[in-house]
Amino acid sequence: MSYLIFEHKGKSDSGKTDRWVVKNSLSNFIIGWIEWYGPFRKYAFSPVNGTTFDANCLIEIAEFLKTEMAKRVRPPCESKEPDWPSALNDPGLRGRK
């Protein structure tokens, strides 16, 4: 059973990242929000003052954060290292020391 609702609230002011309100699924009470936290370079959960969470809620929040971050991860870039055997045959490189 899910105890939380993650309600998408659109993009940040910069338009680069998303924002969510986190609500209790039984009471619909707002318990916090998720948005990009620049110093961590990740999405982070910011709870409302005075809220208390058990392990199940924390796991659900952590899984949501992990899922959203996985959507942002870029595939590794192709290596920019030259193909050395081919580069050594390049006439433009001959004679250089």
N, C-alpha and C. Protein backbone atom coordinates (compact mmCIF):
# COMPACT_ATOMS: atom_id res chain seq x y z
N MET A 1 0.84 -1.18 0.00
CA MET A 1 0.00 0.00 0.00
C MET A 1 0.88 1.24 0.00
N SER A 2 0.53 2.18 -0.85
CA SER A 2 1.27 3.43 -0.91
C SER A 2 0.67 4.42 0.09
N TYR A 3 1.54 5.03 0.86
CA TYR A 3 1.10 6.01 1.86
C TYR A 3 1.21 7.44 1.36
N LEU A 4 1.86 7.59 0.21
CA LEU A 4 2.15 8.93 -0.28
C LEU A 4 1.64 9.14 -1.69
N ILE A 5 1.35 10.40 -1.99
CA ILE A 5 0.99 10.83 -3.34
C ILE A 5 2.05 11.83 -3.77
N PHE A 6 2.63 11.62 -4.94
CA PHE A 6 3.61 12.54 -5.51
C PHE A 6 2.91 13.27 -6.65
N GLU A 7 2.52 14.51 -6.39
CA GLU A 7 1.74 15.29 -7.34
C GLU A 7 2.66 16.25 -8.10
N HIS A 8 2.79 16.01 -9.40
CA HIS A 8 3.67 16.84 -10.22
C HIS A 8 3.11 18.26 -10.29
N LYS A 9 3.98 19.23 -10.05
CA LYS A 9 3.55 20.63 -10.04
C LYS A 9 4.23 21.45 -11.14
N GLY A 10 4.74 20.77 -12.14
CA GLY A 10 5.33 21.49 -13.26
C GLY A 10 6.82 21.66 -13.13
N LYS A 11 7.34 22.56 -13.95
CA LYS A 11 8.77 22.81 -14.02
C LYS A 11 9.18 23.91 -13.04
N SER A 12 10.46 23.92 -12.73
CA SER A 12 11.03 24.99 -11.90
C SER A 12 10.99 26.30 -12.67
N ASP A 13 11.36 27.39 -12.02
CA ASP A 13 11.38 28.69 -12.68
C ASP A 13 12.33 28.70 -13.88
N SER A 14 13.42 27.93 -13.79
CA SER A 14 14.38 27.87 -14.89
C SER A 14 13.86 27.00 -16.04
N GLY A 15 12.88 26.14 -15.74
CA GLY A 15 12.34 25.25 -16.75
C GLY A 15 13.17 24.00 -16.98
N LYS A 16 14.22 23.81 -16.19
CA LYS A 16 15.13 22.68 -16.39
C LYS A 16 14.77 21.46 -15.56
N THR A 17 14.09 21.65 -14.44
CA THR A 17 13.81 20.53 -13.54
C THR A 17 12.33 20.54 -13.15
N ASP A 18 11.89 19.43 -12.58
CA ASP A 18 10.49 19.28 -12.18
C ASP A 18 10.32 19.53 -10.69
N ARG A 19 9.06 19.71 -10.29
CA ARG A 19 8.70 19.89 -8.88
C ARG A 19 7.50 19.02 -8.56
N TRP A 20 7.46 18.52 -7.33
CA TRP A 20 6.34 17.71 -6.86
C TRP A 20 5.96 18.13 -5.46
N VAL A 21 4.66 18.06 -5.16
CA VAL A 21 4.17 18.18 -3.79
C VAL A 21 3.97 16.75 -3.32
N VAL A 22 4.36 16.47 -2.08
CA VAL A 22 4.19 15.14 -1.51
C VAL A 22 3.07 15.22 -0.47
N LYS A 23 2.07 14.34 -0.63
CA LYS A 23 0.90 14.35 0.24
C LYS A 23 0.70 12.98 0.89
N ASN A 24 0.09 13.00 2.07
CA ASN A 24 -0.35 11.77 2.72
C ASN A 24 -1.55 11.25 1.92
N SER A 25 -1.53 9.98 1.55
CA SER A 25 -2.60 9.45 0.70
C SER A 25 -3.94 9.29 1.44
N LEU A 26 -3.90 9.22 2.75
CA LEU A 26 -5.15 9.08 3.51
C LEU A 26 -5.81 10.41 3.81
N SER A 27 -5.02 11.40 4.23
CA SER A 27 -5.58 12.69 4.63
C SER A 27 -5.45 13.77 3.54
N ASN A 28 -4.63 13.50 2.52
CA ASN A 28 -4.33 14.48 1.46
C ASN A 28 -3.57 15.69 2.00
N PHE A 29 -3.02 15.58 3.21
CA PHE A 29 -2.26 16.65 3.85
C PHE A 29 -0.88 16.76 3.19
N ILE A 30 -0.45 17.96 2.88
CA ILE A 30 0.88 18.17 2.29
C ILE A 30 1.93 17.94 3.37
N ILE A 31 2.87 17.04 3.08
CA ILE A 31 3.93 16.74 4.05
C ILE A 31 5.30 17.23 3.58
N GLY A 32 5.37 17.71 2.36
CA GLY A 32 6.65 18.22 1.87
C GLY A 32 6.62 18.39 0.36
N TRP A 33 7.79 18.63 -0.19
CA TRP A 33 7.90 18.80 -1.62
C TRP A 33 9.25 18.26 -2.07
N ILE A 34 9.30 17.96 -3.36
CA ILE A 34 10.53 17.48 -3.98
C ILE A 34 10.87 18.44 -5.10
N GLU A 35 12.11 18.89 -5.08
CA GLU A 35 12.60 19.76 -6.14
C GLU A 35 14.11 19.63 -6.23
N TRP A 36 14.66 20.20 -7.28
CA TRP A 36 16.09 20.13 -7.51
C TRP A 36 16.83 20.92 -6.44
N TYR A 37 17.88 20.31 -5.88
CA TYR A 37 18.71 20.99 -4.89
C TYR A 37 20.11 21.10 -5.47
N GLY A 38 20.43 22.31 -5.93
CA GLY A 38 21.67 22.57 -6.65
C GLY A 38 22.95 22.10 -5.97
N PRO A 39 23.14 22.41 -4.67
CA PRO A 39 24.39 21.98 -4.04
C PRO A 39 24.62 20.46 -4.09
N PHE A 40 23.54 19.67 -4.10
CA PHE A 40 23.68 18.21 -4.19
C PHE A 40 23.67 17.74 -5.64
N ARG A 41 23.21 18.62 -6.56
CA ARG A 41 23.02 18.25 -7.96
C ARG A 41 22.08 17.05 -8.09
N LYS A 42 21.01 17.07 -7.27
CA LYS A 42 20.03 15.99 -7.23
C LYS A 42 18.69 16.55 -6.80
N TYR A 43 17.64 15.74 -7.03
CA TYR A 43 16.36 16.05 -6.42
C TYR A 43 16.45 15.73 -4.94
N ALA A 44 15.77 16.52 -4.14
CA ALA A 44 15.78 16.31 -2.69
C ALA A 44 14.37 16.55 -2.14
N PHE A 45 14.09 15.90 -1.03
CA PHE A 45 12.82 16.04 -0.34
C PHE A 45 12.97 17.05 0.79
N SER A 46 12.07 18.02 0.84
CA SER A 46 12.04 19.02 1.91
C SER A 46 10.73 18.84 2.68
N PRO A 47 10.79 18.34 3.91
CA PRO A 47 9.56 18.11 4.68
C PRO A 47 8.99 19.40 5.26
N VAL A 48 7.69 19.39 5.49
CA VAL A 48 7.02 20.47 6.21
C VAL A 48 7.42 20.36 7.68
N ASN A 49 7.66 21.50 8.32
CA ASN A 49 8.01 21.48 9.74
C ASN A 49 6.96 20.73 10.56
N GLY A 50 7.44 19.93 11.50
CA GLY A 50 6.55 19.21 12.40
C GLY A 50 6.05 17.88 11.89
N THR A 51 6.50 17.47 10.68
CA THR A 51 6.07 16.16 10.17
C THR A 51 7.00 15.07 10.68
N THR A 52 6.45 13.86 10.80
CA THR A 52 7.20 12.71 11.28
C THR A 52 6.99 11.57 10.29
N PHE A 53 8.05 10.82 10.02
CA PHE A 53 7.99 9.75 9.02
C PHE A 53 8.48 8.44 9.60
N ASP A 54 7.82 7.37 9.19
CA ASP A 54 8.32 6.05 9.57
C ASP A 54 9.16 5.49 8.42
N ALA A 55 9.71 4.31 8.60
CA ALA A 55 10.61 3.72 7.61
C ALA A 55 9.92 3.53 6.25
N ASN A 56 8.65 3.12 6.26
CA ASN A 56 7.95 2.89 5.00
C ASN A 56 7.82 4.17 4.17
N CYS A 57 7.50 5.27 4.82
CA CYS A 57 7.40 6.55 4.11
C CYS A 57 8.75 6.98 3.57
N LEU A 58 9.78 6.83 4.38
CA LEU A 58 11.12 7.23 3.95
C LEU A 58 11.59 6.39 2.77
N ILE A 59 11.29 5.10 2.79
CA ILE A 59 11.65 4.23 1.67
C ILE A 59 10.91 4.65 0.41
N GLU A 60 9.64 4.96 0.54
CA GLU A 60 8.84 5.39 -0.61
C GLU A 60 9.38 6.69 -1.20
N ILE A 61 9.76 7.62 -0.35
CA ILE A 61 10.34 8.88 -0.82
C ILE A 61 11.68 8.62 -1.51
N ALA A 62 12.52 7.80 -0.89
CA ALA A 62 13.84 7.49 -1.46
C ALA A 62 13.70 6.81 -2.82
N GLU A 63 12.75 5.90 -2.95
CA GLU A 63 12.54 5.21 -4.23
C GLU A 63 12.07 6.18 -5.31
N PHE A 64 11.21 7.13 -4.93
CA PHE A 64 10.75 8.13 -5.88
C PHE A 64 11.92 8.99 -6.35
N LEU A 65 12.75 9.44 -5.41
CA LEU A 65 13.92 10.25 -5.76
C LEU A 65 14.85 9.48 -6.69
N LYS A 66 15.08 8.23 -6.38
CA LYS A 66 15.98 7.39 -7.19
C LYS A 66 15.42 7.23 -8.61
N THR A 67 14.12 7.01 -8.73
CA THR A 67 13.49 6.86 -10.04
C THR A 67 13.60 8.13 -10.86
N GLU A 68 13.33 9.27 -10.24
CA GLU A 68 13.40 10.54 -10.98
C GLU A 68 14.83 10.87 -11.38
N MET A 69 15.79 10.56 -10.53
CA MET A 69 17.19 10.82 -10.90
C MET A 69 17.63 9.91 -12.04
N ALA A 70 17.15 8.68 -12.05
CA ALA A 70 17.51 7.75 -13.13
C ALA A 70 17.04 8.28 -14.48
N LYS A 71 15.95 9.02 -14.49
CA LYS A 71 15.44 9.61 -15.73
C LYS A 71 16.35 10.72 -16.24
N ARG A 72 17.12 11.32 -15.35
CA ARG A 72 18.00 12.44 -15.71
C ARG A 72 19.41 12.02 -16.08
N VAL A 73 19.81 10.83 -15.72
CA VAL A 73 21.18 10.39 -15.96
C VAL A 73 21.41 10.23 -17.45
N ARG A 74 22.46 10.84 -17.94
CA ARG A 74 22.80 10.75 -19.35
C ARG A 74 23.67 9.53 -19.58
N PRO A 75 23.51 8.91 -20.75
CA PRO A 75 24.40 7.78 -21.05
C PRO A 75 25.84 8.27 -21.16
N PRO A 76 26.80 7.42 -20.86
CA PRO A 76 28.20 7.85 -20.95
C PRO A 76 28.54 8.29 -22.36
N CYS A 77 29.34 9.32 -22.47
CA CYS A 77 29.76 9.84 -23.78
C CYS A 77 30.73 8.87 -24.43
N GLU A 78 30.76 8.94 -25.73
CA GLU A 78 31.75 8.16 -26.46
C GLU A 78 33.13 8.68 -26.06
N SER A 79 34.07 7.79 -26.00
CA SER A 79 35.43 8.18 -25.66
C SER A 79 35.97 9.16 -26.70
N LYS A 80 36.61 10.19 -26.25
CA LYS A 80 37.21 11.16 -27.16
C LYS A 80 38.69 10.86 -27.40
N GLU A 81 39.14 9.74 -26.86
CA GLU A 81 40.51 9.32 -27.08
C GLU A 81 40.69 8.97 -28.55
N PRO A 82 41.77 9.40 -29.17
CA PRO A 82 41.98 9.04 -30.57
C PRO A 82 42.30 7.56 -30.70
N ASP A 83 42.00 7.04 -31.85
CA ASP A 83 42.39 5.67 -32.18
C ASP A 83 43.87 5.75 -32.55
N TRP A 84 44.75 5.42 -31.60
CA TRP A 84 46.18 5.67 -31.78
C TRP A 84 46.79 5.02 -33.00
N PRO A 85 46.50 3.80 -33.35
CA PRO A 85 47.11 3.27 -34.58
C PRO A 85 46.74 4.10 -35.80
N SER A 86 45.48 4.55 -35.89
CA SER A 86 45.07 5.38 -37.02
C SER A 86 45.70 6.77 -36.93
N ALA A 87 45.77 7.32 -35.73
CA ALA A 87 46.32 8.66 -35.54
C ALA A 87 47.80 8.68 -35.92
N LEU A 88 48.52 7.60 -35.66
CA LEU A 88 49.94 7.56 -35.99
C LEU A 88 50.18 7.54 -37.49
N ASN A 89 49.18 7.11 -38.26
CA ASN A 89 49.30 7.11 -39.72
C ASN A 89 48.82 8.40 -40.34
N ASP A 90 48.36 9.34 -39.53
CA ASP A 90 47.85 10.62 -40.02
C ASP A 90 49.02 11.45 -40.53
N PRO A 91 49.01 11.84 -41.82
CA PRO A 91 50.14 12.63 -42.36
C PRO A 91 50.33 13.95 -41.64
N GLY A 92 49.29 14.50 -41.08
CA GLY A 92 49.41 15.77 -40.36
C GLY A 92 50.19 15.64 -39.06
N LEU A 93 50.32 14.43 -38.55
CA LEU A 93 51.04 14.21 -37.30
C LEU A 93 52.49 13.79 -37.52
N ARG A 94 52.84 13.42 -38.75
CA ARG A 94 54.22 12.98 -39.02
C ARG A 94 55.20 14.12 -38.86
N GLY A 95 56.29 13.82 -38.32
CA GLY A 95 57.36 14.81 -38.17
C GLY A 95 57.24 15.64 -36.90
N ARG A 96 56.16 15.47 -36.16
CA ARG A 96 56.03 16.20 -34.90
C ARG A 96 56.75 15.45 -33.81
N LYS A 97 57.32 16.18 -32.91
CA LYS A 97 58.02 15.57 -31.80
C LYS A 97 57.31 15.85 -30.52
